[in-house]
Amino acid sequence: MMTLSAFSIILAAVLLNSAAQLMLKAGAQSLGTVAFNGASLFSAAWNAATQPWIVLGLCCYFVSAGLWIVALTKVDVTVAYPMLSMGYVIAAVLAWHFFGEALTASRILGISIILVGVVVLARG
């Protein structure tokens, strides 16, 4: 059984990872469409590297990775890795709330299945 401490570290890593994804989305929206050709690509890369939401999102990923390493010292990867699926649940709900992305019936069903799986894994 996973300890509360280990679960808390995993949850913190997942929350930061989800927050990072949403920050990257916010930053990407401010960049607009990126063209894949020489000068435009360099310009887009520079704009992305200096976009505050993108920088903050990458910082969250970095901290999340550090927490994940700590989590892997406490929990088997066969238990920890599936817990990352909670990130999809969190990101989907927050993307719906902040960006107006669709939460269709099939997505809600998928989210429900993921949550059931996380509970089963956490108890096993």
PDB file of N, CA and C in Angstrom:
ATOM      1  N   MET A   1       0.843  -1.193   0.000  1.00  0.00           N
ATOM      2  CA  MET A   1       0.000   0.000   0.000  1.00  0.00           C
ATOM      3  C   MET A   1       0.881   1.248   0.000  1.00  0.00           C
ATOM      4  N   MET A   2       0.475   2.240  -0.759  1.00  0.00           N
ATOM      5  CA  MET A   2       1.224   3.471  -0.867  1.00  0.00           C
ATOM      6  C   MET A   2       0.995   4.330   0.378  1.00  0.00           C
ATOM      7  N   THR A   3       2.071   4.922   0.886  1.00  0.00           N
ATOM      8  CA  THR A   3       1.937   5.782   2.057  1.00  0.00           C
ATOM      9  C   THR A   3       1.345   7.129   1.661  1.00  0.00           C
ATOM     10  N   LEU A   4       0.805   7.820   2.640  1.00  0.00           N
ATOM     11  CA  LEU A   4       0.259   9.156   2.394  1.00  0.00           C
ATOM     12  C   LEU A   4       1.361  10.098   1.924  1.00  0.00           C
ATOM     13  N   SER A   5       2.540   9.962   2.496  1.00  0.00           N
ATOM     14  CA  SER A   5       3.670  10.799   2.100  1.00  0.00           C
ATOM     15  C   SER A   5       4.025  10.597   0.628  1.00  0.00           C
ATOM     16  N   ALA A   6       4.131   9.346   0.218  1.00  0.00           N
ATOM     17  CA  ALA A   6       4.467   9.050  -1.180  1.00  0.00           C
ATOM     18  C   ALA A   6       3.369   9.543  -2.110  1.00  0.00           C
ATOM     19  N   PHE A   7       2.111   9.306  -1.737  1.00  0.00           N
ATOM     20  CA  PHE A   7       0.995   9.764  -2.562  1.00  0.00           C
ATOM     21  C   PHE A   7       1.011  11.291  -2.674  1.00  0.00           C
ATOM     22  N   SER A   8       1.327  11.979  -1.586  1.00  0.00           N
ATOM     23  CA  SER A   8       1.367  13.445  -1.599  1.00  0.00           C
ATOM     24  C   SER A   8       2.441  13.969  -2.549  1.00  0.00           C
ATOM     25  N   ILE A   9       3.591  13.312  -2.557  1.00  0.00           N
ATOM     26  CA  ILE A   9       4.669  13.727  -3.459  1.00  0.00           C
ATOM     27  C   ILE A   9       4.249  13.494  -4.914  1.00  0.00           C
ATOM     28  N   ILE A  10       3.657  12.328  -5.178  1.00  0.00           N
ATOM     29  CA  ILE A  10       3.189  12.032  -6.531  1.00  0.00           C
ATOM     30  C   ILE A  10       2.123  13.035  -6.955  1.00  0.00           C
ATOM     31  N   LEU A  11       1.183  13.315  -6.069  1.00  0.00           N
ATOM     32  CA  LEU A  11       0.115  14.266  -6.389  1.00  0.00           C
ATOM     33  C   LEU A  11       0.688  15.655  -6.666  1.00  0.00           C
ATOM     34  N   ALA A  12       1.653  16.089  -5.874  1.00  0.00           N
ATOM     35  CA  ALA A  12       2.279  17.397  -6.105  1.00  0.00           C
ATOM     36  C   ALA A  12       2.961  17.432  -7.474  1.00  0.00           C
ATOM     37  N   ALA A  13       3.652  16.349  -7.816  1.00  0.00           N
ATOM     38  CA  ALA A  13       4.319  16.279  -9.120  1.00  0.00           C
ATOM     39  C   ALA A  13       3.297  16.328 -10.253  1.00  0.00           C
ATOM     40  N   VAL A  14       2.208  15.600 -10.092  1.00  0.00           N
ATOM     41  CA  VAL A  14       1.167  15.563 -11.123  1.00  0.00           C
ATOM     42  C   VAL A  14       0.490  16.928 -11.250  1.00  0.00           C
ATOM     43  N   LEU A  15       0.194  17.568 -10.120  1.00  0.00           N
ATOM     44  CA  LEU A  15      -0.439  18.893 -10.159  1.00  0.00           C
ATOM     45  C   LEU A  15       0.462  19.912 -10.845  1.00  0.00           C
ATOM     46  N   LEU A  16       1.748  19.888 -10.515  1.00  0.00           N
ATOM     47  CA  LEU A  16       2.679  20.812 -11.168  1.00  0.00           C
ATOM     48  C   LEU A  16       2.795  20.523 -12.658  1.00  0.00           C
ATOM     49  N   ASN A  17       2.796  19.249 -13.012  1.00  0.00           N
ATOM     50  CA  ASN A  17       2.872  18.874 -14.418  1.00  0.00           C
ATOM     51  C   ASN A  17       1.632  19.361 -15.165  1.00  0.00           C
ATOM     52  N   SER A  18       0.463  19.213 -14.556  1.00  0.00           N
ATOM     53  CA  SER A  18      -0.781  19.694 -15.172  1.00  0.00           C
ATOM     54  C   SER A  18      -0.781  21.216 -15.290  1.00  0.00           C
ATOM     55  N   ALA A  19      -0.329  21.885 -14.241  1.00  0.00           N
ATOM     56  CA  ALA A  19      -0.241  23.347 -14.282  1.00  0.00           C
ATOM     57  C   ALA A  19       0.704  23.786 -15.395  1.00  0.00           C
ATOM     58  N   ALA A  20       1.814  23.080 -15.534  1.00  0.00           N
ATOM     59  CA  ALA A  20       2.768  23.398 -16.591  1.00  0.00           C
ATOM     60  C   ALA A  20       2.111  23.288 -17.961  1.00  0.00           C
ATOM     61  N   GLN A  21       1.339  22.224 -18.164  1.00  0.00           N
ATOM     62  CA  GLN A  21       0.674  22.020 -19.450  1.00  0.00           C
ATOM     63  C   GLN A  21      -0.266  23.180 -19.760  1.00  0.00           C
ATOM     64  N   LEU A  22      -1.011  23.632 -18.764  1.00  0.00           N
ATOM     65  CA  LEU A  22      -1.948  24.738 -18.974  1.00  0.00           C
ATOM     66  C   LEU A  22      -1.215  26.054 -19.212  1.00  0.00           C
ATOM     67  N   MET A  23      -0.106  26.243 -18.531  1.00  0.00           N
ATOM     68  CA  MET A  23       0.694  27.452 -18.762  1.00  0.00           C
ATOM     69  C   MET A  23       1.282  27.454 -20.168  1.00  0.00           C
ATOM     70  N   LEU A  24       1.751  26.300 -20.619  1.00  0.00           N
ATOM     71  CA  LEU A  24       2.267  26.204 -21.985  1.00  0.00           C
ATOM     72  C   LEU A  24       1.167  26.492 -23.002  1.00  0.00           C
ATOM     73  N   LYS A  25      -0.034  26.023 -22.719  1.00  0.00           N
ATOM     74  CA  LYS A  25      -1.173  26.297 -23.607  1.00  0.00           C
ATOM     75  C   LYS A  25      -1.457  27.797 -23.657  1.00  0.00           C
ATOM     76  N   ALA A  26      -1.466  28.449 -22.495  1.00  0.00           N
ATOM     77  CA  ALA A  26      -1.695  29.897 -22.448  1.00  0.00           C
ATOM     78  C   ALA A  26      -0.609  30.631 -23.222  1.00  0.00           C
ATOM     79  N   GLY A  27       0.632  30.203 -23.043  1.00  0.00           N
ATOM     80  CA  GLY A  27       1.734  30.822 -23.777  1.00  0.00           C
ATOM     81  C   GLY A  27       1.634  30.574 -25.271  1.00  0.00           C
ATOM     82  N   ALA A  28       1.254  29.362 -25.645  1.00  0.00           N
ATOM     83  CA  ALA A  28       1.125  29.023 -27.064  1.00  0.00           C
ATOM     84  C   ALA A  28       0.025  29.849 -27.721  1.00  0.00           C
ATOM     85  N   GLN A  29      -1.052  30.083 -26.993  1.00  0.00           N
ATOM     86  CA  GLN A  29      -2.137  30.899 -27.547  1.00  0.00           C
ATOM     87  C   GLN A  29      -1.661  32.313 -27.841  1.00  0.00           C
ATOM     88  N   SER A  30      -0.775  32.824 -27.003  1.00  0.00           N
ATOM     89  CA  SER A  30      -0.285  34.178 -27.238  1.00  0.00           C
ATOM     90  C   SER A  30       0.686  34.225 -28.420  1.00  0.00           C
ATOM     91  N   LEU A  31       1.304  33.092 -28.754  1.00  0.00           N
ATOM     92  CA  LEU A  31       2.225  33.053 -29.898  1.00  0.00           C
ATOM     93  C   LEU A  31       1.485  33.024 -31.233  1.00  0.00           C
ATOM     94  N   GLY A  32       0.296  32.439 -31.229  1.00  0.00           N
ATOM     95  CA  GLY A  32      -0.420  32.269 -32.484  1.00  0.00           C
ATOM     96  C   GLY A  32       0.124  31.073 -33.246  1.00  0.00           C
ATOM     97  N   THR A  33      -0.172  30.990 -34.528  1.00  0.00           N
ATOM     98  CA  THR A  33       0.264  29.877 -35.358  1.00  0.00           C
ATOM     99  C   THR A  33       1.755  29.994 -35.646  1.00  0.00           C
ATOM    100  N   VAL A  34       2.467  28.892 -35.501  1.00  0.00           N
ATOM    101  CA  VAL A  34       3.910  28.872 -35.742  1.00  0.00           C
ATOM    102  C   VAL A  34       4.163  28.200 -37.084  1.00  0.00           C
ATOM    103  N   ALA A  35       4.890  28.895 -37.951  1.00  0.00           N
ATOM    104  CA  ALA A  35       5.259  28.336 -39.259  1.00  0.00           C
ATOM    105  C   ALA A  35       6.571  27.569 -39.120  1.00  0.00           C
ATOM    106  N   PHE A  36       6.707  26.495 -39.870  1.00  0.00           N
ATOM    107  CA  PHE A  36       7.917  25.685 -39.813  1.00  0.00           C
ATOM    108  C   PHE A  36       8.828  25.972 -40.997  1.00  0.00           C
ATOM    109  N   ASN A  37       9.377  27.181 -41.004  1.00  0.00           N
ATOM    110  CA  ASN A  37      10.418  27.498 -41.977  1.00  0.00           C
ATOM    111  C   ASN A  37      11.507  28.304 -41.273  1.00  0.00           C
ATOM    112  N   GLY A  38      12.666  28.389 -41.846  1.00  0.00           N
ATOM    113  CA  GLY A  38      13.866  28.942 -41.228  1.00  0.00           C
ATOM    114  C   GLY A  38      13.687  30.152 -40.330  1.00  0.00           C
ATOM    115  N   ALA A  39      13.500  31.319 -40.915  1.00  0.00           N
ATOM    116  CA  ALA A  39      13.450  32.563 -40.151  1.00  0.00           C
ATOM    117  C   ALA A  39      12.238  32.600 -39.223  1.00  0.00           C
ATOM    118  N   SER A  40      11.102  32.132 -39.705  1.00  0.00           N
ATOM    119  CA  SER A  40       9.900  32.149 -38.882  1.00  0.00           C
ATOM    120  C   SER A  40      10.043  31.233 -37.670  1.00  0.00           C
ATOM    121  N   LEU A  41      10.667  30.093 -37.883  1.00  0.00           N
ATOM    122  CA  LEU A  41      10.853  29.147 -36.791  1.00  0.00           C
ATOM    123  C   LEU A  41      11.780  29.724 -35.721  1.00  0.00           C
ATOM    124  N   PHE A  42      12.862  30.368 -36.154  1.00  0.00           N
ATOM    125  CA  PHE A  42      13.775  30.992 -35.192  1.00  0.00           C
ATOM    126  C   PHE A  42      13.063  32.098 -34.421  1.00  0.00           C
ATOM    127  N   SER A  43      12.299  32.892 -35.128  1.00  0.00           N
ATOM    128  CA  SER A  43      11.548  33.979 -34.482  1.00  0.00           C
ATOM    129  C   SER A  43      10.536  33.420 -33.481  1.00  0.00           C
ATOM    130  N   ALA A  44       9.837  32.369 -33.876  1.00  0.00           N
ATOM    131  CA  ALA A  44       8.854  31.747 -32.984  1.00  0.00           C
ATOM    132  C   ALA A  44       9.537  31.149 -31.756  1.00  0.00           C
ATOM    133  N   ALA A  45      10.703  30.537 -31.955  1.00  0.00           N
ATOM    134  CA  ALA A  45      11.445  29.960 -30.820  1.00  0.00           C
ATOM    135  C   ALA A  45      11.864  31.061 -29.848  1.00  0.00           C
ATOM    136  N   TRP A  46      12.314  32.172 -30.372  1.00  0.00           N
ATOM    137  CA  TRP A  46      12.706  33.289 -29.509  1.00  0.00           C
ATOM    138  C   TRP A  46      11.481  33.840 -28.766  1.00  0.00           C
ATOM    139  N   ASN A  47      10.381  33.997 -29.469  1.00  0.00           N
ATOM    140  CA  ASN A  47       9.154  34.485 -28.834  1.00  0.00           C
ATOM    141  C   ASN A  47       8.697  33.528 -27.734  1.00  0.00           C
ATOM    142  N   ALA A  48       8.797  32.227 -27.996  1.00  0.00           N
ATOM    143  CA  ALA A  48       8.405  31.230 -26.991  1.00  0.00           C
ATOM    144  C   ALA A  48       9.340  31.288 -25.786  1.00  0.00           C
ATOM    145  N   ALA A  49      10.628  31.435 -26.040  1.00  0.00           N
ATOM    146  CA  ALA A  49      11.621  31.455 -24.954  1.00  0.00           C
ATOM    147  C   ALA A  49      11.485  32.688 -24.072  1.00  0.00           C
ATOM    148  N   THR A  50      10.849  33.713 -24.583  1.00  0.00           N
ATOM    149  CA  THR A  50      10.687  34.943 -23.801  1.00  0.00           C
ATOM    150  C   THR A  50       9.235  35.174 -23.369  1.00  0.00           C
ATOM    151  N   GLN A  51       8.376  34.222 -23.635  1.00  0.00           N
ATOM    152  CA  GLN A  51       6.963  34.342 -23.255  1.00  0.00           C
ATOM    153  C   GLN A  51       6.825  33.894 -21.793  1.00  0.00           C
ATOM    154  N   PRO A  52       6.339  34.767 -20.903  1.00  0.00           N
ATOM    155  CA  PRO A  52       6.297  34.439 -19.469  1.00  0.00           C
ATOM    156  C   PRO A  52       5.545  33.153 -19.124  1.00  0.00           C
ATOM    157  N   TRP A  53       4.392  32.896 -19.752  1.00  0.00           N
ATOM    158  CA  TRP A  53       3.654  31.670 -19.437  1.00  0.00           C
ATOM    159  C   TRP A  53       4.457  30.431 -19.810  1.00  0.00           C
ATOM    160  N   ILE A  54       5.150  30.498 -20.922  1.00  0.00           N
ATOM    161  CA  ILE A  54       5.953  29.345 -21.348  1.00  0.00           C
ATOM    162  C   ILE A  54       7.132  29.138 -20.402  1.00  0.00           C
ATOM    163  N   VAL A  55       7.805  30.208 -20.035  1.00  0.00           N
ATOM    164  CA  VAL A  55       8.930  30.096 -19.098  1.00  0.00           C
ATOM    165  C   VAL A  55       8.450  29.535 -17.764  1.00  0.00           C
ATOM    166  N   LEU A  56       7.353  30.058 -17.251  1.00  0.00           N
ATOM    167  CA  LEU A  56       6.810  29.569 -15.982  1.00  0.00           C
ATOM    168  C   LEU A  56       6.380  28.107 -16.093  1.00  0.00           C
ATOM    169  N   GLY A  57       5.762  27.747 -17.220  1.00  0.00           N
ATOM    170  CA  GLY A  57       5.365  26.367 -17.442  1.00  0.00           C
ATOM    171  C   GLY A  57       6.559  25.430 -17.448  1.00  0.00           C
ATOM    172  N   LEU A  58       7.648  25.823 -18.098  1.00  0.00           N
ATOM    173  CA  LEU A  58       8.855  24.994 -18.123  1.00  0.00           C
ATOM    174  C   LEU A  58       9.477  24.874 -16.729  1.00  0.00           C
ATOM    175  N   CYS A  59       9.407  25.934 -15.947  1.00  0.00           N
ATOM    176  CA  CYS A  59       9.891  25.873 -14.556  1.00  0.00           C
ATOM    177  C   CYS A  59       9.059  24.869 -13.747  1.00  0.00           C
ATOM    178  N   CYS A  60       7.756  24.885 -13.947  1.00  0.00           N
ATOM    179  CA  CYS A  60       6.890  23.917 -13.252  1.00  0.00           C
ATOM    180  C   CYS A  60       7.232  22.489 -13.658  1.00  0.00           C
ATOM    181  N   TYR A  61       7.525  22.273 -14.945  1.00  0.00           N
ATOM    182  CA  TYR A  61       7.939  20.943 -15.395  1.00  0.00           C
ATOM    183  C   TYR A  61       9.224  20.508 -14.688  1.00  0.00           C
ATOM    184  N   PHE A  62      10.162  21.426 -14.551  1.00  0.00           N
ATOM    185  CA  PHE A  62      11.436  21.113 -13.919  1.00  0.00           C
ATOM    186  C   PHE A  62      11.222  20.688 -12.460  1.00  0.00           C
ATOM    187  N   VAL A  63      10.442  21.454 -11.718  1.00  0.00           N
ATOM    188  CA  VAL A  63      10.169  21.118 -10.317  1.00  0.00           C
ATOM    189  C   VAL A  63       9.382  19.806 -10.235  1.00  0.00           C
ATOM    190  N   SER A  64       8.427  19.633 -11.142  1.00  0.00           N
ATOM    191  CA  SER A  64       7.655  18.399 -11.186  1.00  0.00           C
ATOM    192  C   SER A  64       8.569  17.191 -11.403  1.00  0.00           C
ATOM    193  N   ALA A  65       9.540  17.324 -12.286  1.00  0.00           N
ATOM    194  CA  ALA A  65      10.477  16.222 -12.536  1.00  0.00           C
ATOM    195  C   ALA A  65      11.294  15.906 -11.291  1.00  0.00           C
ATOM    196  N   GLY A  66      11.694  16.930 -10.552  1.00  0.00           N
ATOM    197  CA  GLY A  66      12.416  16.709  -9.302  1.00  0.00           C
ATOM    198  C   GLY A  66      11.575  15.960  -8.290  1.00  0.00           C
ATOM    199  N   LEU A  67      10.329  16.362  -8.147  1.00  0.00           N
ATOM    200  CA  LEU A  67       9.421  15.658  -7.234  1.00  0.00           C
ATOM    201  C   LEU A  67       9.189  14.226  -7.693  1.00  0.00           C
ATOM    202  N   TRP A  68       9.120  14.042  -8.996  1.00  0.00           N
ATOM    203  CA  TRP A  68       8.903  12.708  -9.531  1.00  0.00           C
ATOM    204  C   TRP A  68      10.068  11.788  -9.177  1.00  0.00           C
ATOM    205  N   ILE A  69      11.270  12.300  -9.260  1.00  0.00           N
ATOM    206  CA  ILE A  69      12.452  11.511  -8.893  1.00  0.00           C
ATOM    207  C   ILE A  69      12.373  11.109  -7.427  1.00  0.00           C
ATOM    208  N   VAL A  70      11.976  12.046  -6.573  1.00  0.00           N
ATOM    209  CA  VAL A  70      11.804  11.723  -5.149  1.00  0.00           C
ATOM    210  C   VAL A  70      10.744  10.635  -4.985  1.00  0.00           C
ATOM    211  N   ALA A  71       9.640  10.765  -5.704  1.00  0.00           N
ATOM    212  CA  ALA A  71       8.565   9.770  -5.613  1.00  0.00           C
ATOM    213  C   ALA A  71       9.068   8.383  -6.012  1.00  0.00           C
ATOM    214  N   LEU A  72       9.899   8.325  -7.037  1.00  0.00           N
ATOM    215  CA  LEU A  72      10.403   7.030  -7.500  1.00  0.00           C
ATOM    216  C   LEU A  72      11.355   6.378  -6.504  1.00  0.00           C
ATOM    217  N   THR A  73      11.866   7.146  -5.545  1.00  0.00           N
ATOM    218  CA  THR A  73      12.687   6.546  -4.489  1.00  0.00           C
ATOM    219  C   THR A  73      11.815   5.902  -3.415  1.00  0.00           C
ATOM    220  N   LYS A  74      10.517   6.206  -3.441  1.00  0.00           N
ATOM    221  CA  LYS A  74       9.605   5.730  -2.396  1.00  0.00           C
ATOM    222  C   LYS A  74       8.606   4.682  -2.873  1.00  0.00           C
ATOM    223  N   VAL A  75       8.335   4.659  -4.186  1.00  0.00           N
ATOM    224  CA  VAL A  75       7.262   3.829  -4.720  1.00  0.00           C
ATOM    225  C   VAL A  75       7.768   3.103  -5.971  1.00  0.00           C
ATOM    226  N   ASP A  76       7.323   1.882  -6.168  1.00  0.00           N
ATOM    227  CA  ASP A  76       7.651   1.148  -7.393  1.00  0.00           C
ATOM    228  C   ASP A  76       7.131   1.913  -8.604  1.00  0.00           C
ATOM    229  N   VAL A  77       7.875   1.876  -9.678  1.00  0.00           N
ATOM    230  CA  VAL A  77       7.466   2.568 -10.894  1.00  0.00           C
ATOM    231  C   VAL A  77       6.165   1.988 -11.446  1.00  0.00           C
ATOM    232  N   THR A  78       5.910   0.714 -11.188  1.00  0.00           N
ATOM    233  CA  THR A  78       4.661   0.098 -11.659  1.00  0.00           C
ATOM    234  C   THR A  78       3.441   0.646 -10.946  1.00  0.00           C
ATOM    235  N   VAL A  79       3.646   1.259  -9.803  1.00  0.00           N
ATOM    236  CA  VAL A  79       2.559   1.921  -9.078  1.00  0.00           C
ATOM    237  C   VAL A  79       2.556   3.414  -9.386  1.00  0.00           C
ATOM    238  N   ALA A  80       3.739   4.023  -9.373  1.00  0.00           N
ATOM    239  CA  ALA A  80       3.835   5.473  -9.551  1.00  0.00           C
ATOM    240  C   ALA A  80       3.445   5.922 -10.961  1.00  0.00           C
ATOM    241  N   TYR A  81       3.972   5.243 -11.965  1.00  0.00           N
ATOM    242  CA  TYR A  81       3.769   5.709 -13.335  1.00  0.00           C
ATOM    243  C   TYR A  81       2.297   5.815 -13.733  1.00  0.00           C
ATOM    244  N   PRO A  82       1.478   4.829 -13.432  1.00  0.00           N
ATOM    245  CA  PRO A  82       0.051   4.981 -13.783  1.00  0.00           C
ATOM    246  C   PRO A  82      -0.625   6.167 -13.080  1.00  0.00           C
ATOM    247  N   MET A  83      -0.071   6.600 -11.959  1.00  0.00           N
ATOM    248  CA  MET A  83      -0.649   7.751 -11.259  1.00  0.00           C
ATOM    249  C   MET A  83      -0.547   9.030 -12.090  1.00  0.00           C
ATOM    250  N   LEU A  84       0.375   9.037 -13.049  1.00  0.00           N
ATOM    251  CA  LEU A  84       0.482  10.198 -13.934  1.00  0.00           C
ATOM    252  C   LEU A  84      -0.814  10.441 -14.699  1.00  0.00           C
ATOM    253  N   SER A  85      -1.628   9.408 -14.840  1.00  0.00           N
ATOM    254  CA  SER A  85      -2.892   9.570 -15.567  1.00  0.00           C
ATOM    255  C   SER A  85      -3.824  10.552 -14.867  1.00  0.00           C
ATOM    256  N   MET A  86      -3.604  10.783 -13.575  1.00  0.00           N
ATOM    257  CA  MET A  86      -4.401  11.801 -12.879  1.00  0.00           C
ATOM    258  C   MET A  86      -4.183  13.166 -13.529  1.00  0.00           C
ATOM    259  N   GLY A  87      -3.008  13.359 -14.108  1.00  0.00           N
ATOM    260  CA  GLY A  87      -2.712  14.616 -14.787  1.00  0.00           C
ATOM    261  C   GLY A  87      -3.661  14.890 -15.936  1.00  0.00           C
ATOM    262  N   TYR A  88      -4.044  13.835 -16.642  1.00  0.00           N
ATOM    263  CA  TYR A  88      -4.999  14.014 -17.727  1.00  0.00           C
ATOM    264  C   TYR A  88      -6.335  14.500 -17.187  1.00  0.00           C
ATOM    265  N   VAL A  89      -6.770  13.922 -16.096  1.00  0.00           N
ATOM    266  CA  VAL A  89      -8.043  14.308 -15.483  1.00  0.00           C
ATOM    267  C   VAL A  89      -7.997  15.780 -15.074  1.00  0.00           C
ATOM    268  N   ILE A  90      -6.957  16.141 -14.367  1.00  0.00           N
ATOM    269  CA  ILE A  90      -6.811  17.518 -13.881  1.00  0.00           C
ATOM    270  C   ILE A  90      -6.720  18.490 -15.050  1.00  0.00           C
ATOM    271  N   ALA A  91      -5.869  18.172 -16.019  1.00  0.00           N
ATOM    272  CA  ALA A  91      -5.683  19.067 -17.164  1.00  0.00           C
ATOM    273  C   ALA A  91      -6.963  19.201 -17.983  1.00  0.00           C
ATOM    274  N   ALA A  92      -7.694  18.116 -18.166  1.00  0.00           N
ATOM    275  CA  ALA A  92      -8.931  18.177 -18.951  1.00  0.00           C
ATOM    276  C   ALA A  92      -9.972  19.074 -18.291  1.00  0.00           C
ATOM    277  N   VAL A  93     -10.122  18.922 -16.982  1.00  0.00           N
ATOM    278  CA  VAL A  93     -11.107  19.743 -16.266  1.00  0.00           C
ATOM    279  C   VAL A  93     -10.689  21.218 -16.265  1.00  0.00           C
ATOM    280  N   LEU A  94      -9.408  21.478 -16.023  1.00  0.00           N
ATOM    281  CA  LEU A  94      -8.946  22.867 -16.006  1.00  0.00           C
ATOM    282  C   LEU A  94      -8.937  23.491 -17.404  1.00  0.00           C
ATOM    283  N   ALA A  95      -8.649  22.700 -18.430  1.00  0.00           N
ATOM    284  CA  ALA A  95      -8.704  23.214 -19.806  1.00  0.00           C
ATOM    285  C   ALA A  95     -10.144  23.573 -20.172  1.00  0.00           C
ATOM    286  N   TRP A  96     -11.084  22.771 -19.700  1.00  0.00           N
ATOM    287  CA  TRP A  96     -12.501  23.091 -19.901  1.00  0.00           C
ATOM    288  C   TRP A  96     -12.842  24.415 -19.211  1.00  0.00           C
ATOM    289  N   HIS A  97     -12.373  24.554 -17.972  1.00  0.00           N
ATOM    290  CA  HIS A  97     -12.693  25.751 -17.186  1.00  0.00           C
ATOM    291  C   HIS A  97     -12.017  27.011 -17.747  1.00  0.00           C
ATOM    292  N   PHE A  98     -10.721  26.936 -18.024  1.00  0.00           N
ATOM    293  CA  PHE A  98      -9.969  28.134 -18.411  1.00  0.00           C
ATOM    294  C   PHE A  98      -9.975  28.422 -19.908  1.00  0.00           C
ATOM    295  N   PHE A  99     -10.023  27.379 -20.738  1.00  0.00           N
ATOM    296  CA  PHE A  99      -9.915  27.578 -22.183  1.00  0.00           C
ATOM    297  C   PHE A  99     -11.182  27.229 -22.947  1.00  0.00           C
ATOM    298  N   GLY A 100     -12.210  26.772 -22.229  1.00  0.00           N
ATOM    299  CA  GLY A 100     -13.458  26.441 -22.890  1.00  0.00           C
ATOM    300  C   GLY A 100     -13.380  25.196 -23.756  1.00  0.00           C
ATOM    301  N   GLU A 101     -12.411  24.310 -23.483  1.00  0.00           N
ATOM    302  CA  GLU A 101     -12.287  23.081 -24.263  1.00  0.00           C
ATOM    303  C   GLU A 101     -13.435  22.138 -23.908  1.00  0.00           C
ATOM    304  N   ALA A 102     -13.845  21.347 -24.868  1.00  0.00           N
ATOM    305  CA  ALA A 102     -15.024  20.491 -24.712  1.00  0.00           C
ATOM    306  C   ALA A 102     -14.764  19.320 -23.774  1.00  0.00           C
ATOM    307  N   LEU A 103     -15.734  19.057 -22.905  1.00  0.00           N
ATOM    308  CA  LEU A 103     -15.758  17.836 -22.095  1.00  0.00           C
ATOM    309  C   LEU A 103     -16.962  17.032 -22.568  1.00  0.00           C
ATOM    310  N   THR A 104     -16.745  16.249 -23.606  1.00  0.00           N
ATOM    311  CA  THR A 104     -17.815  15.456 -24.193  1.00  0.00           C
ATOM    312  C   THR A 104     -18.125  14.256 -23.301  1.00  0.00           C
ATOM    313  N   ALA A 105     -19.213  13.576 -23.612  1.00  0.00           N
ATOM    314  CA  ALA A 105     -19.605  12.393 -22.833  1.00  0.00           C
ATOM    315  C   ALA A 105     -18.514  11.333 -22.870  1.00  0.00           C
ATOM    316  N   SER A 106     -17.876  11.131 -24.017  1.00  0.00           N
ATOM    317  CA  SER A 106     -16.828  10.113 -24.101  1.00  0.00           C
ATOM    318  C   SER A 106     -15.600  10.522 -23.286  1.00  0.00           C
ATOM    319  N   ARG A 107     -15.284  11.795 -23.251  1.00  0.00           N
ATOM    320  CA  ARG A 107     -14.153  12.259 -22.423  1.00  0.00           C
ATOM    321  C   ARG A 107     -14.468  12.088 -20.938  1.00  0.00           C
ATOM    322  N   ILE A 108     -15.684  12.396 -20.548  1.00  0.00           N
ATOM    323  CA  ILE A 108     -16.082  12.231 -19.144  1.00  0.00           C
ATOM    324  C   ILE A 108     -16.047  10.754 -18.760  1.00  0.00           C
ATOM    325  N   LEU A 109     -16.495   9.881 -19.644  1.00  0.00           N
ATOM    326  CA  LEU A 109     -16.420   8.446 -19.386  1.00  0.00           C
ATOM    327  C   LEU A 109     -14.961   8.010 -19.230  1.00  0.00           C
ATOM    328  N   GLY A 110     -14.103   8.471 -20.124  1.00  0.00           N
ATOM    329  CA  GLY A 110     -12.678   8.144 -20.035  1.00  0.00           C
ATOM    330  C   GLY A 110     -12.061   8.641 -18.744  1.00  0.00           C
ATOM    331  N   ILE A 111     -12.397   9.859 -18.344  1.00  0.00           N
ATOM    332  CA  ILE A 111     -11.904  10.429 -17.088  1.00  0.00           C
ATOM    333  C   ILE A 111     -12.370   9.581 -15.909  1.00  0.00           C
ATOM    334  N   SER A 112     -13.611   9.144 -15.949  1.00  0.00           N
ATOM    335  CA  SER A 112     -14.142   8.305 -14.863  1.00  0.00           C
ATOM    336  C   SER A 112     -13.385   6.988 -14.771  1.00  0.00           C
ATOM    337  N   ILE A 113     -13.112   6.391 -15.903  1.00  0.00           N
ATOM    338  CA  ILE A 113     -12.359   5.129 -15.924  1.00  0.00           C
ATOM    339  C   ILE A 113     -10.946   5.337 -15.367  1.00  0.00           C
ATOM    340  N   ILE A 114     -10.326   6.438 -15.750  1.00  0.00           N
ATOM    341  CA  ILE A 114      -8.994   6.748 -15.226  1.00  0.00           C
ATOM    342  C   ILE A 114      -9.028   6.873 -13.710  1.00  0.00           C
ATOM    343  N   LEU A 115     -10.012   7.593 -13.189  1.00  0.00           N
ATOM    344  CA  LEU A 115     -10.110   7.791 -11.741  1.00  0.00           C
ATOM    345  C   LEU A 115     -10.293   6.467 -11.007  1.00  0.00           C
ATOM    346  N   VAL A 116     -11.116   5.586 -11.551  1.00  0.00           N
ATOM    347  CA  VAL A 116     -11.301   4.265 -10.946  1.00  0.00           C
ATOM    348  C   VAL A 116      -9.958   3.518 -10.930  1.00  0.00           C
ATOM    349  N   GLY A 117      -9.240   3.569 -12.024  1.00  0.00           N
ATOM    350  CA  GLY A 117      -7.943   2.906 -12.101  1.00  0.00           C
ATOM    351  C   GLY A 117      -6.942   3.460 -11.101  1.00  0.00           C
ATOM    352  N   VAL A 118      -6.927   4.763 -10.918  1.00  0.00           N
ATOM    353  CA  VAL A 118      -6.015   5.370  -9.948  1.00  0.00           C
ATOM    354  C   VAL A 118      -6.351   4.905  -8.537  1.00  0.00           C
ATOM    355  N   VAL A 119      -7.621   4.840  -8.196  1.00  0.00           N
ATOM    356  CA  VAL A 119      -8.037   4.376  -6.859  1.00  0.00           C
ATOM    357  C   VAL A 119      -7.603   2.935  -6.670  1.00  0.00           C
ATOM    358  N   VAL A 120      -7.818   2.084  -7.663  1.00  0.00           N
ATOM    359  CA  VAL A 120      -7.428   0.676  -7.550  1.00  0.00           C
ATOM    360  C   VAL A 120      -5.918   0.563  -7.348  1.00  0.00           C
ATOM    361  N   LEU A 121      -5.142   1.318  -8.119  1.00  0.00           N
ATOM    362  CA  LEU A 121      -3.687   1.272  -7.988  1.00  0.00           C
ATOM    363  C   LEU A 121      -3.208   1.787  -6.629  1.00  0.00           C
ATOM    364  N   ALA A 122      -3.819   2.850  -6.148  1.00  0.00           N
ATOM    365  CA  ALA A 122      -3.403   3.441  -4.873  1.00  0.00           C
ATOM    366  C   ALA A 122      -3.665   2.500  -3.705  1.00  0.00           C
ATOM    367  N   ARG A 123      -4.685   1.658  -3.838  1.00  0.00           N
ATOM    368  CA  ARG A 123      -5.033   0.749  -2.753  1.00  0.00           C
ATOM    369  C   ARG A 123      -4.277  -0.567  -2.831  1.00  0.00           C
ATOM    370  N   GLY A 124      -3.761  -0.889  -4.041  1.00  0.00           N
ATOM    371  CA  GLY A 124      -3.110  -2.178  -4.246  1.00  0.00           C
ATOM    372  C   GLY A 124      -1.708  -2.156  -3.802  1.00  0.00           C
TER     373      GLY A 124
END
